[in-house]
Amino acid sequence: MSPAAHPFLATDLATGLTTDLATGLAANEASEHRPLIITLFAVFVVATLVITVWAGRQTKDAADFYAGGRQFSAFQNGLAVSGDYMSAASFLGIAGAIAIFGYDGFLYSIGFLVAWLVALLLVAEPLRNSGRYTMGDVLAYRMRQRPVRTAAGTSTIVVSIFYLLAQMAGAGVLVSLLLGITSDAGKILIVALVGILMIVYVSIGGMKGTTWVQMVKAVLLISGTLLITFLVLLKFDFNISDLLGTAAENSGKGAAFLEPGLQYGATGTSKLDFVSLGIALVLGTAGLPHILIRFYTVPNAKAARKSVNWAIGIIGAFYLMTIALGFGAAALISQKEIIESNPSGNTAAPLLALHVGGVDSAWGAILLATISAVAFATILAVVAGLTLASSSSFAHDIYANVIRRGRATEKEEMRAARWATLFIGIVSIGLGALARDLNVAGLVALAFAVAASANLPTILYSLFWKRFTTQGALWSIYGGLVVAVGLVLFSPVVSGDPKAMFPGVDFAWFPLKNPGIISIPFGFLMGWLGTLLSKEEPNAAKYAELEVRSLTGTGAH
C-alpha cells in the first residue's frame, strides 16, 4: 500500500481495485469460474432480502425501525456491532498492508482493536442510558433542542455520506471486475444495484432487518477468515516462527520486514501522519454514527456493555487472524504478484485464498469466489448500517424535532426516515458512480476524522462536563467538522500527488493525509472555548438528571 493511499488502509476496496484483479491471477480464475461467483453472490443477496422482508413485517413503530424494538441480546448486538465495524478495509486492507509492509501493517490491527476500549469505557453505557435513538437525543437533553439537533444531524449525515461513497465505489469496482464488466455503464449499473439493495434493506427492514444482515455478514466474514487462517497455518504445520521467517525471506526485505519502519520510518512527516491516523482511528470509532446507534438496540445498559465486550472478543479474534492472512500472503505469494495485482495490496486476501486452495484447482476457485462474496457481503452490510444511521438522524433529529418542533407522529417520522433513505441512496449512487475511478482513501479518513473531531468531543463534554452549553456544542461540532473537511481538501489525498483524487492539479498545502492530529484537539478546544464565552447559564438540574441517568440507567428508554 502506497503512503498516498494509506488513510484508512486504501479503504474498503475503492482505492486500489481499479487496476487489480482484471489484470491479476485472480481475474483469470474469476473468468473461468464466473458462474460459481455469480451463484454465491445471488445466494447471499436473496438470503438477506428474505431476512429483510421477514424483519420488516415485525417493524410496527419507531422503536422497531430505529432500535429494533430493543429486543436484541448482548451477544446478538455484539455480533451485529462486529459486522458493522469489520469493513472491507479490515478484511482486505490490513491483510494487504501486512503483506507489503510487515510489522507496520500489523500496527493497524492493534489500532482497530484498541479503538473499542474507548467505546467501552467512555461511551457505550452512558449513551445507551441517556438517549432514545440518536446522538442528538443525548446532546439535546440539557441544551436547546433545535440548534443542537440540527448540528448533530448535519455531522451524522456528513460522516455517513463520505463513508458511504467509499463503500459504493468499492462495491462497483469489486463486482464489475469479478463479473468481467469493463464498461463505464456497467460499473455505474453495479453501483446503482448496490444502492437499490441498500435502500430496500433500510426502508423495509429498518434496524431489525439491518441488524440481522449484519449478524449474517459477521458470521460469514469470521468463518471465511478462520478457514483461510487454518489453511495458511496448515501449510506451515502451525509453526508461527516458520510462517514469519518465510514471510520475511519471501518479501525480499529480510529481518526489516518484521521490524517497524518500512512504511512510516522514512521521514518525520510520515511518522506524524501515522500518529494522526492512529488518533483519528482510536477516537473516531466512539463517534461513528452507525456504531453509536447500535447501543440503542439492546434492552438496557448492562446489555449494551456486554455487547461491546462480545464485540471486542469477536473483533479481537478477527484482527489476530488478519495477521495470519497478511504474513501468509507475504510467505506464499511473491511481492511482485501482490503489487502487480494491486499496488495497495488490497487483493492479497483473495490471492491468498487462491494459492492455499490451489491456483489451478476447483477448490482454489471456490475459495476465491467465497472470499469475494464475503467481501461483497461486507460492503452491503456496512452500507445498510450507514444509511440507517443517517436517515434516522434526519428523521428523528431534523424532521421531527427541528422542522416539526416535536409534533410529528411516529408514523410521520418513520415515513420521513424512509424518504431520507431514498434520498441518501440516490445521492450515494450518484457520488459512487462519479468516484468509481477515483482514489477515495481520504473519504473514509475524513469520516473517522470528522467523527473524532466533531461528534466525540461534544458527546464527552455533554456527558461529563457540568458547565457545557449549547454554544459550546455548536462550536465543537461545526468547528471540528469544518477544520477536518478543510484540511483534507487541502491535503495530498485530494491533490498534488500521483494517487490523489485529482492528480492533475496541486492545491495541497497541508502536508498530512489525515487531519486528526489537528482537527481533533481543535474540536475539543472549540467546545471548551464556546462554553467559556457563552452567556447561557448551564442548567444544573438537567445535568444532575443526565448524570444520574447516564450512570444508573434510571429513566432510560
Protein backbone atom coordinates (compact mmCIF):
# COMPACT_ATOMS: atom_id res chain seq x y z
CA MET A 1 0.00 0.00 0.00
CA SER A 2 1.45 3.31 -1.01
CA PRO A 3 1.66 6.14 1.51
CA ALA A 4 -0.70 8.16 -0.66
CA ALA A 5 -3.37 5.57 -0.20
CA HIS A 6 -2.91 4.86 3.46
CA PRO A 7 -5.59 6.89 5.27
CA PHE A 8 -7.73 4.01 6.27
CA LEU A 9 -5.96 1.25 4.52
CA ALA A 10 -6.82 2.11 0.97
CA THR A 11 -10.24 1.87 2.37
CA ASP A 12 -12.85 -0.50 1.51
CA LEU A 13 -11.52 -1.59 -1.86
CA ALA A 14 -12.09 1.66 -3.67
CA THR A 15 -8.52 2.84 -3.77
CA GLY A 16 -6.74 0.03 -5.37
CA LEU A 17 -9.07 -2.40 -7.02
CA THR A 18 -9.37 -0.32 -10.18
CA THR A 19 -6.32 -1.93 -11.77
CA ASP A 20 -6.07 -5.14 -9.91
CA LEU A 21 -8.00 -8.32 -10.37
CA ALA A 22 -8.68 -7.54 -14.01
CA THR A 23 -5.01 -7.94 -14.80
CA GLY A 24 -4.03 -10.29 -11.98
CA LEU A 25 -4.19 -14.01 -11.49
CA ALA A 26 -7.43 -13.79 -9.56
CA ALA A 27 -9.21 -12.31 -12.54
CA ASN A 28 -8.27 -15.23 -14.73
CA GLU A 29 -9.67 -17.67 -12.21
CA ALA A 30 -12.71 -15.44 -11.78
CA SER A 31 -13.43 -15.55 -15.51
CA GLU A 32 -13.16 -19.34 -15.61
CA HIS A 33 -15.43 -19.85 -12.63
CA ARG A 34 -17.74 -16.87 -13.05
CA PRO A 35 -20.96 -18.93 -12.74
CA LEU A 36 -19.83 -20.03 -9.27
CA ILE A 37 -19.10 -16.44 -8.21
CA ILE A 38 -22.45 -15.20 -9.55
CA THR A 39 -24.25 -18.03 -7.75
CA LEU A 40 -22.62 -17.21 -4.40
CA PHE A 41 -23.41 -13.51 -4.83
CA ALA A 42 -27.02 -14.32 -5.72
CA VAL A 43 -27.45 -16.69 -2.76
CA PHE A 44 -26.26 -14.02 -0.34
CA VAL A 45 -28.44 -11.28 -1.85
CA VAL A 46 -31.56 -13.47 -1.88
CA ALA A 47 -30.95 -14.68 1.68
CA THR A 48 -30.51 -11.16 3.03
CA LEU A 49 -33.59 -9.91 1.16
CA VAL A 50 -35.64 -12.71 2.73
CA ILE A 51 -34.34 -11.72 6.17
CA THR A 52 -35.14 -8.06 5.46
CA VAL A 53 -38.73 -8.76 4.38
CA TRP A 54 -39.26 -11.01 7.41
CA ALA A 55 -37.91 -8.32 9.75
CA GLY A 56 -39.93 -5.63 8.00
CA ARG A 57 -43.17 -7.44 8.84
CA GLN A 58 -42.25 -7.16 12.52
CA THR A 59 -41.45 -3.43 12.34
CA LYS A 60 -44.52 -1.80 13.86
CA ASP A 61 -43.37 1.52 15.36
CA ALA A 62 -40.46 3.95 15.64
CA ALA A 63 -38.73 1.89 18.34
CA ASP A 64 -38.75 -1.10 15.97
CA PHE A 65 -37.49 0.95 13.00
CA TYR A 66 -34.75 2.88 14.84
CA ALA A 67 -33.73 0.44 17.58
CA GLY A 68 -35.05 -2.98 16.55
CA GLY A 69 -37.59 -2.84 19.37
CA ARG A 70 -34.62 -3.03 21.79
CA GLN A 71 -35.07 -6.80 21.65
CA PHE A 72 -31.60 -7.97 20.68
CA SER A 73 -29.48 -9.80 23.21
CA ALA A 74 -25.97 -8.70 24.16
CA PHE A 75 -24.44 -11.47 22.03
CA GLN A 76 -26.64 -10.69 19.03
CA ASN A 77 -25.84 -6.98 19.23
CA GLY A 78 -22.15 -7.73 19.76
CA LEU A 79 -22.19 -9.81 16.60
CA ALA A 80 -24.02 -7.04 14.72
CA VAL A 81 -21.61 -4.37 16.01
CA SER A 82 -18.75 -6.56 14.79
CA GLY A 83 -20.44 -6.80 11.40
CA ASP A 84 -20.81 -3.03 11.28
CA TYR A 85 -17.20 -2.44 12.25
CA MET A 86 -15.32 -5.09 10.27
CA SER A 87 -15.50 -3.48 6.86
CA ALA A 88 -13.70 -4.48 3.70
CA ALA A 89 -10.84 -2.19 4.78
CA SER A 90 -10.32 -4.50 7.73
CA PHE A 91 -10.65 -7.70 5.74
CA LEU A 92 -8.65 -6.76 2.65
CA GLY A 93 -6.78 -3.60 3.61
CA ILE A 94 -5.00 -4.87 6.72
CA ALA A 95 -4.02 -8.14 5.06
CA GLY A 96 -2.58 -6.14 2.17
CA ALA A 97 -0.75 -3.72 4.43
CA ILE A 98 0.89 -6.57 6.34
CA ALA A 99 1.74 -8.43 3.12
CA ILE A 100 3.63 -5.40 1.79
CA PHE A 101 4.90 -3.61 4.89
CA GLY A 102 5.08 -6.36 7.50
CA TYR A 103 5.24 -5.01 11.05
CA ASP A 104 3.97 -1.53 10.12
CA GLY A 105 0.86 -3.08 8.58
CA PHE A 106 0.30 -5.14 11.72
CA LEU A 107 0.02 -1.89 13.72
CA TYR A 108 -3.34 -1.27 12.05
CA SER A 109 -4.77 -4.44 13.60
CA ILE A 110 -3.80 -3.12 17.04
CA GLY A 111 -5.27 0.32 16.33
CA PHE A 112 -8.62 -1.10 15.26
CA LEU A 113 -8.90 -3.18 18.40
CA VAL A 114 -7.70 -0.54 20.89
CA ALA A 115 -10.35 1.82 19.50
CA TRP A 116 -13.01 -0.35 21.10
CA LEU A 117 -11.65 0.29 24.59
CA VAL A 118 -12.59 3.97 24.21
CA ALA A 119 -16.09 2.97 23.13
CA LEU A 120 -16.44 0.56 26.04
CA LEU A 121 -15.01 2.75 28.80
CA LEU A 122 -16.42 6.16 27.81
CA VAL A 123 -19.41 5.87 25.52
CA ALA A 124 -21.41 2.61 25.37
CA GLU A 125 -23.24 2.53 28.71
CA PRO A 126 -23.80 6.31 29.27
CA LEU A 127 -25.02 6.72 25.69
CA ARG A 128 -27.49 3.83 25.96
CA ASN A 129 -28.87 5.29 29.21
CA SER A 130 -29.12 8.88 28.00
CA GLY A 131 -30.74 8.72 24.56
CA ARG A 132 -33.53 7.07 22.62
CA TYR A 133 -32.44 6.62 19.02
CA THR A 134 -29.65 9.03 18.01
CA MET A 135 -26.66 11.00 19.23
CA GLY A 136 -28.82 14.14 19.03
CA ASP A 137 -31.02 12.80 21.84
CA VAL A 138 -28.07 12.87 24.25
CA LEU A 139 -26.86 16.32 23.22
CA ALA A 140 -30.33 17.88 23.30
CA TYR A 141 -31.21 16.53 26.76
CA ARG A 142 -29.91 19.58 28.62
CA MET A 143 -29.43 22.08 25.78
CA ARG A 144 -31.54 24.00 23.28
CA GLN A 145 -33.12 21.34 21.09
CA ARG A 146 -33.29 22.83 17.60
CA PRO A 147 -29.73 24.15 17.06
CA VAL A 148 -28.07 21.16 18.73
CA ARG A 149 -30.15 18.57 16.88
CA THR A 150 -29.50 20.38 13.59
CA ALA A 151 -25.75 20.28 14.23
CA ALA A 152 -25.82 16.62 15.32
CA GLY A 153 -27.89 15.63 12.28
CA THR A 154 -25.60 17.54 9.93
CA SER A 155 -22.47 15.91 11.34
CA THR A 156 -24.03 12.43 11.23
CA ILE A 157 -25.09 12.81 7.61
CA VAL A 158 -21.70 14.21 6.51
CA VAL A 159 -19.79 11.35 8.16
CA SER A 160 -22.18 8.75 6.74
CA ILE A 161 -22.20 10.15 3.19
CA PHE A 162 -18.40 10.16 2.93
CA TYR A 163 -18.19 6.65 4.35
CA LEU A 164 -20.96 5.54 2.02
CA LEU A 165 -19.21 6.98 -1.01
CA ALA A 166 -16.14 4.84 -0.46
CA GLN A 167 -18.29 1.74 0.08
CA MET A 168 -20.37 2.33 -3.05
CA ALA A 169 -17.38 2.98 -5.26
CA GLY A 170 -15.62 -0.07 -3.85
CA ALA A 171 -18.64 -2.28 -4.41
CA GLY A 172 -18.90 -1.15 -8.01
CA VAL A 173 -15.26 -1.86 -8.71
CA LEU A 174 -15.17 -5.23 -6.94
CA VAL A 175 -18.30 -6.66 -8.51
CA SER A 176 -17.64 -5.32 -12.01
CA LEU A 177 -14.14 -6.81 -12.03
CA LEU A 178 -15.18 -10.20 -10.69
CA LEU A 179 -18.08 -10.40 -13.14
CA GLY A 180 -15.95 -9.20 -16.04
CA ILE A 181 -17.74 -5.89 -16.55
CA THR A 182 -15.37 -3.31 -18.02
CA SER A 183 -17.63 -0.59 -19.46
CA ASP A 184 -18.40 2.59 -17.55
CA ALA A 185 -22.12 1.98 -18.00
CA GLY A 186 -21.77 -1.48 -16.47
CA LYS A 187 -19.85 -0.14 -13.47
CA ILE A 188 -22.45 2.57 -12.89
CA LEU A 189 -25.18 -0.08 -13.11
CA ILE A 190 -23.43 -2.15 -10.41
CA VAL A 191 -23.21 0.92 -8.14
CA ALA A 192 -26.90 1.59 -8.75
CA LEU A 193 -27.85 -2.01 -7.91
CA VAL A 194 -25.90 -1.84 -4.65
CA GLY A 195 -27.67 1.43 -3.85
CA ILE A 196 -31.08 -0.09 -4.56
CA LEU A 197 -30.31 -3.05 -2.29
CA MET A 198 -29.23 -0.61 0.41
CA ILE A 199 -32.49 1.36 0.12
CA VAL A 200 -34.54 -1.85 0.29
CA TYR A 201 -32.69 -3.16 3.35
CA VAL A 202 -33.21 0.01 5.35
CA SER A 203 -36.64 1.18 4.20
CA ILE A 204 -38.26 -2.26 4.54
CA GLY A 205 -36.28 -3.89 7.33
CA GLY A 206 -35.29 -0.89 9.47
CA MET A 207 -32.96 -1.66 12.34
CA LYS A 208 -34.28 -5.21 12.72
CA GLY A 209 -33.51 -6.15 9.14
CA THR A 210 -30.18 -4.32 9.13
CA THR A 211 -29.11 -5.99 12.39
CA TRP A 212 -29.85 -9.49 11.10
CA VAL A 213 -27.96 -8.73 7.87
CA GLN A 214 -25.01 -7.52 9.99
CA MET A 215 -25.10 -10.72 12.04
CA VAL A 216 -25.14 -12.96 8.95
CA LYS A 217 -22.30 -10.97 7.41
CA ALA A 218 -20.22 -11.19 10.63
CA VAL A 219 -20.61 -14.97 10.73
CA LEU A 220 -19.63 -15.24 7.05
CA LEU A 221 -16.62 -12.98 7.49
CA ILE A 222 -15.35 -14.75 10.61
CA SER A 223 -15.92 -18.17 9.03
CA GLY A 224 -14.14 -17.24 5.80
CA THR A 225 -11.22 -15.68 7.65
CA LEU A 226 -10.98 -18.64 10.02
CA LEU A 227 -10.89 -21.11 7.11
CA ILE A 228 -8.12 -19.24 5.25
CA THR A 229 -6.16 -18.80 8.50
CA PHE A 230 -6.40 -22.54 9.22
CA LEU A 231 -5.22 -23.43 5.70
CA VAL A 232 -2.30 -20.99 5.93
CA LEU A 233 -1.16 -22.35 9.30
CA LEU A 234 -1.61 -25.91 8.00
CA LYS A 235 0.95 -25.21 5.27
CA PHE A 236 3.48 -24.31 7.97
CA ASP A 237 2.50 -27.13 10.36
CA PHE A 238 1.08 -24.49 12.73
CA ASN A 239 4.59 -23.18 13.36
CA ILE A 240 4.24 -19.38 13.63
CA SER A 241 8.01 -18.91 13.62
CA ASP A 242 8.32 -20.68 10.26
CA LEU A 243 5.48 -18.60 8.85
CA LEU A 244 7.10 -15.30 9.90
CA GLY A 245 10.56 -16.41 8.75
CA THR A 246 9.30 -17.44 5.33
CA ALA A 247 7.32 -14.21 5.00
CA ALA A 248 10.40 -12.11 5.81
CA GLU A 249 12.55 -14.05 3.35
CA ASN A 250 9.94 -14.06 0.55
CA SER A 251 9.26 -10.33 0.97
CA GLY A 252 12.77 -9.52 -0.16
CA LYS A 253 13.25 -7.23 2.83
CA GLY A 254 14.68 -9.76 5.27
CA ALA A 255 14.59 -9.05 9.00
CA ALA A 256 13.42 -5.46 8.33
CA PHE A 257 10.03 -6.92 7.33
CA LEU A 258 9.43 -7.95 10.94
CA GLU A 259 10.60 -4.63 12.39
CA PRO A 260 8.99 -1.17 12.46
CA GLY A 261 9.89 1.45 9.88
CA LEU A 262 9.14 0.10 6.38
CA GLN A 263 6.11 2.32 5.88
CA TYR A 264 6.39 5.04 8.48
CA GLY A 265 10.11 5.39 9.12
CA ALA A 266 11.23 7.31 6.04
CA THR A 267 10.53 10.89 7.14
CA GLY A 268 9.28 12.83 10.11
CA THR A 269 6.14 13.68 8.17
CA SER A 270 5.30 10.02 7.59
CA LYS A 271 5.73 9.29 11.30
CA LEU A 272 3.50 12.24 12.17
CA ASP A 273 0.95 11.03 9.62
CA PHE A 274 0.82 7.66 11.34
CA VAL A 275 0.24 9.31 14.73
CA SER A 276 -2.51 11.45 13.19
CA LEU A 277 -4.21 8.45 11.59
CA GLY A 278 -3.91 6.46 14.82
CA ILE A 279 -5.54 9.22 16.87
CA ALA A 280 -8.40 9.54 14.37
CA LEU A 281 -8.91 5.78 14.27
CA VAL A 282 -8.88 5.22 18.03
CA LEU A 283 -11.05 8.22 18.91
CA GLY A 284 -13.23 8.24 15.80
CA THR A 285 -14.70 4.80 16.43
CA ALA A 286 -16.54 6.05 19.52
CA GLY A 287 -18.08 8.84 17.43
CA LEU A 288 -19.11 6.90 14.32
CA PRO A 289 -22.90 7.30 13.96
CA HIS A 290 -23.57 3.79 12.62
CA ILE A 291 -21.74 2.35 15.64
CA LEU A 292 -23.40 4.67 18.17
CA ILE A 293 -26.96 3.75 17.17
CA ARG A 294 -26.22 0.07 17.78
CA PHE A 295 -26.15 0.72 21.53
CA TYR A 296 -29.89 1.51 21.43
CA THR A 297 -30.91 -1.91 20.11
CA VAL A 298 -30.44 -3.70 23.44
CA PRO A 299 -32.93 -3.62 26.36
CA ASN A 300 -30.67 -1.94 28.94
CA ALA A 301 -27.23 -0.50 29.68
CA LYS A 302 -25.93 -3.79 31.08
CA ALA A 303 -26.67 -5.46 27.75
CA ALA A 304 -25.01 -2.54 25.92
CA ARG A 305 -21.85 -3.03 27.96
CA LYS A 306 -21.92 -6.80 27.43
CA SER A 307 -22.48 -6.35 23.70
CA VAL A 308 -19.32 -4.24 23.49
CA ASN A 309 -17.46 -6.96 25.39
CA TRP A 310 -18.69 -9.53 22.87
CA ALA A 311 -17.72 -7.21 20.03
CA ILE A 312 -14.21 -6.79 21.45
CA GLY A 313 -13.81 -10.57 21.65
CA ILE A 314 -15.09 -11.19 18.12
CA ILE A 315 -13.20 -8.25 16.60
CA GLY A 316 -10.05 -9.16 18.53
CA ALA A 317 -10.12 -12.72 17.20
CA PHE A 318 -10.70 -11.40 13.69
CA TYR A 319 -7.75 -8.99 13.81
CA LEU A 320 -5.49 -11.71 15.14
CA MET A 321 -6.42 -13.74 12.09
CA THR A 322 -5.65 -10.84 9.74
CA ILE A 323 -2.04 -11.22 10.91
CA ALA A 324 -2.04 -14.79 9.58
CA LEU A 325 -3.65 -13.58 6.34
CA GLY A 326 -1.10 -10.80 5.83
CA PHE A 327 2.04 -12.74 6.70
CA GLY A 328 0.61 -15.81 4.94
CA ALA A 329 0.23 -13.78 1.74
CA ALA A 330 3.79 -12.47 2.12
CA ALA A 331 5.08 -16.02 2.63
CA LEU A 332 3.15 -17.80 -0.15
CA ILE A 333 2.86 -15.13 -2.85
CA SER A 334 5.64 -13.08 -4.39
CA GLN A 335 5.70 -9.35 -3.68
CA LYS A 336 5.70 -8.76 -7.44
CA GLU A 337 2.44 -10.68 -7.89
CA ILE A 338 0.75 -8.89 -4.98
CA ILE A 339 1.79 -5.43 -6.15
CA GLU A 340 1.02 -6.12 -9.83
CA SER A 341 -2.43 -7.28 -8.83
CA ASN A 342 -2.92 -4.15 -6.71
CA PRO A 343 -0.24 -1.60 -5.70
CA SER A 344 -2.02 -1.10 -2.39
CA GLY A 345 -2.14 -4.80 -1.55
CA ASN A 346 -5.93 -4.90 -1.36
CA THR A 347 -6.13 -8.16 -3.31
CA ALA A 348 -3.71 -10.06 -1.05
CA ALA A 349 -6.53 -11.93 0.72
CA PRO A 350 -8.28 -13.16 -2.47
CA LEU A 351 -4.90 -14.12 -3.95
CA LEU A 352 -4.05 -15.98 -0.75
CA ALA A 353 -7.37 -17.89 -0.92
CA LEU A 354 -6.48 -18.89 -4.47
CA HIS A 355 -2.98 -20.05 -3.51
CA VAL A 356 -3.89 -22.05 -0.40
CA GLY A 357 -6.67 -23.79 -2.35
CA GLY A 358 -4.55 -24.40 -5.42
CA VAL A 359 -4.10 -21.94 -8.29
CA ASP A 360 -5.30 -24.33 -10.99
CA SER A 361 -7.82 -26.26 -8.89
CA ALA A 362 -11.58 -26.02 -8.45
CA TRP A 363 -11.01 -25.76 -4.68
CA GLY A 364 -8.91 -22.62 -5.22
CA ALA A 365 -11.64 -21.15 -7.41
CA ILE A 366 -14.27 -21.95 -4.78
CA LEU A 367 -12.20 -20.23 -2.07
CA LEU A 368 -11.65 -17.20 -4.31
CA ALA A 369 -15.36 -16.97 -5.08
CA THR A 370 -16.26 -17.38 -1.41
CA ILE A 371 -13.85 -14.68 -0.22
CA SER A 372 -15.07 -12.33 -2.96
CA ALA A 373 -18.70 -12.93 -1.99
CA VAL A 374 -17.83 -12.31 1.67
CA ALA A 375 -16.15 -9.02 0.70
CA PHE A 376 -19.31 -8.02 -1.18
CA ALA A 377 -21.44 -9.02 1.80
CA THR A 378 -19.21 -6.87 3.98
CA ILE A 379 -19.80 -3.82 1.82
CA LEU A 380 -23.58 -4.32 1.66
CA ALA A 381 -23.89 -4.70 5.43
CA VAL A 382 -21.80 -1.63 6.24
CA VAL A 383 -23.68 0.40 3.62
CA ALA A 384 -27.01 -0.55 5.23
CA GLY A 385 -25.79 0.44 8.69
CA LEU A 386 -24.52 3.82 7.48
CA THR A 387 -27.74 4.57 5.60
CA LEU A 388 -29.87 3.72 8.62
CA ALA A 389 -27.75 5.99 10.85
CA SER A 390 -28.05 8.99 8.54
CA SER A 391 -31.75 8.53 7.70
CA SER A 392 -32.59 8.05 11.40
CA SER A 393 -30.73 11.21 12.33
CA PHE A 394 -32.53 13.21 9.65
CA ALA A 395 -35.99 11.89 10.52
CA HIS A 396 -35.66 11.96 14.32
CA ASP A 397 -33.43 14.98 14.88
CA ILE A 398 -34.02 17.33 11.95
CA TYR A 399 -37.54 16.47 10.73
CA ALA A 400 -39.35 15.53 13.94
CA ASN A 401 -37.66 17.87 16.40
CA VAL A 402 -36.45 20.82 14.29
CA ILE A 403 -38.85 21.12 11.35
CA ARG A 404 -41.97 19.77 13.12
CA ARG A 405 -40.87 21.01 16.60
CA GLY A 406 -41.70 17.69 18.27
CA ARG A 407 -45.25 17.50 16.89
CA ALA A 408 -44.64 14.73 14.34
CA THR A 409 -46.35 11.40 14.91
CA GLU A 410 -44.35 8.15 14.87
CA LYS A 411 -45.88 7.25 11.52
CA GLU A 412 -44.85 10.60 10.02
CA GLU A 413 -41.35 10.23 11.47
CA MET A 414 -40.91 6.75 10.00
CA ARG A 415 -42.21 7.97 6.64
CA ALA A 416 -39.61 10.77 6.75
CA ALA A 417 -36.90 8.21 7.55
CA ARG A 418 -37.86 6.13 4.53
CA TRP A 419 -37.85 9.19 2.25
CA ALA A 420 -34.47 10.17 3.71
CA THR A 421 -33.21 6.65 2.97
CA LEU A 422 -34.31 7.03 -0.65
CA PHE A 423 -32.66 10.46 -0.95
CA ILE A 424 -29.39 9.35 0.69
CA GLY A 425 -29.38 6.23 -1.50
CA ILE A 426 -29.77 8.32 -4.67
CA VAL A 427 -27.02 10.73 -3.57
CA SER A 428 -24.71 7.80 -2.75
CA ILE A 429 -25.40 6.16 -6.12
CA GLY A 430 -24.61 9.41 -7.92
CA LEU A 431 -21.43 10.13 -5.98
CA GLY A 432 -20.33 6.48 -6.07
CA ALA A 433 -20.74 6.44 -9.86
CA LEU A 434 -18.67 9.63 -10.19
CA ALA A 435 -15.98 8.27 -7.85
CA ARG A 436 -15.76 4.82 -9.40
CA ASP A 437 -12.27 5.51 -10.83
CA LEU A 438 -11.00 7.88 -8.15
CA ASN A 439 -8.73 7.33 -5.18
CA VAL A 440 -11.20 7.72 -2.34
CA ALA A 441 -8.88 6.89 0.55
CA GLY A 442 -9.39 10.33 2.04
CA LEU A 443 -13.15 9.90 2.18
CA VAL A 444 -13.09 7.22 4.87
CA ALA A 445 -10.23 9.01 6.63
CA LEU A 446 -12.44 12.08 6.58
CA ALA A 447 -15.34 10.12 8.09
CA PHE A 448 -13.18 9.00 11.01
CA ALA A 449 -11.59 12.41 11.44
CA VAL A 450 -14.97 14.18 11.47
CA ALA A 451 -16.40 11.65 13.91
CA ALA A 452 -13.44 12.15 16.25
CA SER A 453 -13.29 15.94 15.76
CA ALA A 454 -16.98 16.85 15.92
CA ASN A 455 -19.00 14.04 17.50
CA LEU A 456 -16.76 12.67 20.23
CA PRO A 457 -15.80 15.97 21.95
CA THR A 458 -19.45 17.01 22.07
CA ILE A 459 -20.61 13.66 23.45
CA LEU A 460 -17.94 13.58 26.16
CA TYR A 461 -18.46 17.21 27.18
CA SER A 462 -22.22 16.70 27.29
CA LEU A 463 -21.97 13.60 29.45
CA PHE A 464 -19.19 14.65 31.81
CA TRP A 465 -18.87 18.48 31.93
CA LYS A 466 -21.40 20.30 34.07
CA ARG A 467 -20.71 23.75 32.55
CA PHE A 468 -21.10 22.67 28.92
CA THR A 469 -23.55 24.86 26.99
CA THR A 470 -25.40 24.93 23.68
CA GLN A 471 -22.85 27.33 22.20
CA GLY A 472 -20.04 25.01 23.22
CA ALA A 473 -21.77 22.09 21.50
CA LEU A 474 -22.31 24.07 18.29
CA TRP A 475 -18.75 25.38 18.21
CA SER A 476 -17.39 21.89 18.84
CA ILE A 477 -19.46 20.16 16.14
CA TYR A 478 -19.19 22.80 13.43
CA GLY A 479 -15.59 23.68 14.31
CA GLY A 480 -14.40 20.08 14.17
CA LEU A 481 -16.44 19.46 11.01
CA VAL A 482 -15.11 22.48 9.09
CA VAL A 483 -11.46 22.01 10.09
CA ALA A 484 -11.45 18.26 9.38
CA VAL A 485 -13.09 18.71 5.97
CA GLY A 486 -10.96 21.75 5.14
CA LEU A 487 -7.63 20.12 5.95
CA VAL A 488 -8.45 17.01 3.91
CA LEU A 489 -9.48 19.17 0.93
CA PHE A 490 -6.06 20.84 1.00
CA SER A 491 -4.08 17.66 1.69
CA PRO A 492 -2.19 15.30 -0.68
CA VAL A 493 -5.21 12.98 -0.56
CA VAL A 494 -7.15 15.35 -2.84
CA SER A 495 -4.43 16.94 -5.00
CA GLY A 496 -0.69 17.24 -5.56
CA ASP A 497 0.05 13.51 -5.53
CA PRO A 498 0.03 10.87 -8.28
CA LYS A 499 -2.57 8.87 -6.31
CA ALA A 500 -4.67 11.86 -5.23
CA MET A 501 -8.33 12.18 -6.14
CA PHE A 502 -7.33 14.92 -8.62
CA PRO A 503 -3.71 14.14 -9.55
CA GLY A 504 -3.56 16.71 -12.34
CA VAL A 505 -3.78 19.74 -10.05
CA ASP A 506 -1.96 20.81 -6.91
CA PHE A 507 -3.55 22.97 -4.24
CA ALA A 508 -2.33 20.92 -1.28
CA TRP A 509 -0.68 23.00 1.44
CA PHE A 510 -1.43 20.69 4.39
CA PRO A 511 1.31 18.01 4.38
CA LEU A 512 -0.50 15.21 6.25
CA LYS A 513 -3.02 12.81 4.73
CA ASN A 514 -5.11 12.60 7.87
CA PRO A 515 -6.12 15.77 9.75
CA GLY A 516 -6.80 14.09 13.10
CA ILE A 517 -3.76 15.43 14.93
CA ILE A 518 -5.01 18.99 14.25
CA SER A 519 -8.79 18.72 13.93
CA ILE A 520 -9.47 16.54 16.99
CA PRO A 521 -7.76 18.84 19.53
CA PHE A 522 -9.42 21.75 17.70
CA GLY A 523 -12.86 20.19 18.22
CA PHE A 524 -12.20 19.81 21.95
CA LEU A 525 -10.76 23.34 22.13
CA MET A 526 -13.78 24.90 20.38
CA GLY A 527 -16.19 23.11 22.72
CA TRP A 528 -14.29 24.45 25.74
CA LEU A 529 -13.89 27.97 24.31
CA GLY A 530 -17.51 28.20 23.14
CA THR A 531 -18.69 27.27 26.62
CA LEU A 532 -16.43 29.79 28.35
CA LEU A 533 -17.56 32.61 26.05
CA SER A 534 -21.24 31.66 26.25
CA LYS A 535 -23.68 33.90 28.09
CA GLU A 536 -26.01 30.96 28.60
CA GLU A 537 -26.35 29.67 32.15
CA PRO A 538 -25.85 25.89 32.31
CA ASN A 539 -28.91 24.00 33.51
CA ALA A 540 -27.53 22.39 36.68
CA ALA A 541 -30.74 20.47 37.39
CA LYS A 542 -30.81 18.95 33.91
CA TYR A 543 -27.15 17.97 34.18
CA ALA A 544 -27.80 16.29 37.52
CA GLU A 545 -30.65 14.33 35.93
CA LEU A 546 -28.46 13.37 32.98
CA GLU A 547 -25.61 12.31 35.27
CA VAL A 548 -27.84 10.02 37.32
CA ARG A 549 -29.49 8.65 34.22
CA SER A 550 -26.23 8.02 32.33
CA LEU A 551 -24.62 6.26 35.28
CA THR A 552 -27.56 4.27 36.64
CA GLY A 553 -29.99 3.84 33.76
CA THR A 554 -32.86 5.36 35.76
CA GLY A 555 -35.45 6.63 33.30
CA ALA A 556 -33.68 5.14 30.28
CA HIS A 557 -35.89 4.12 27.35
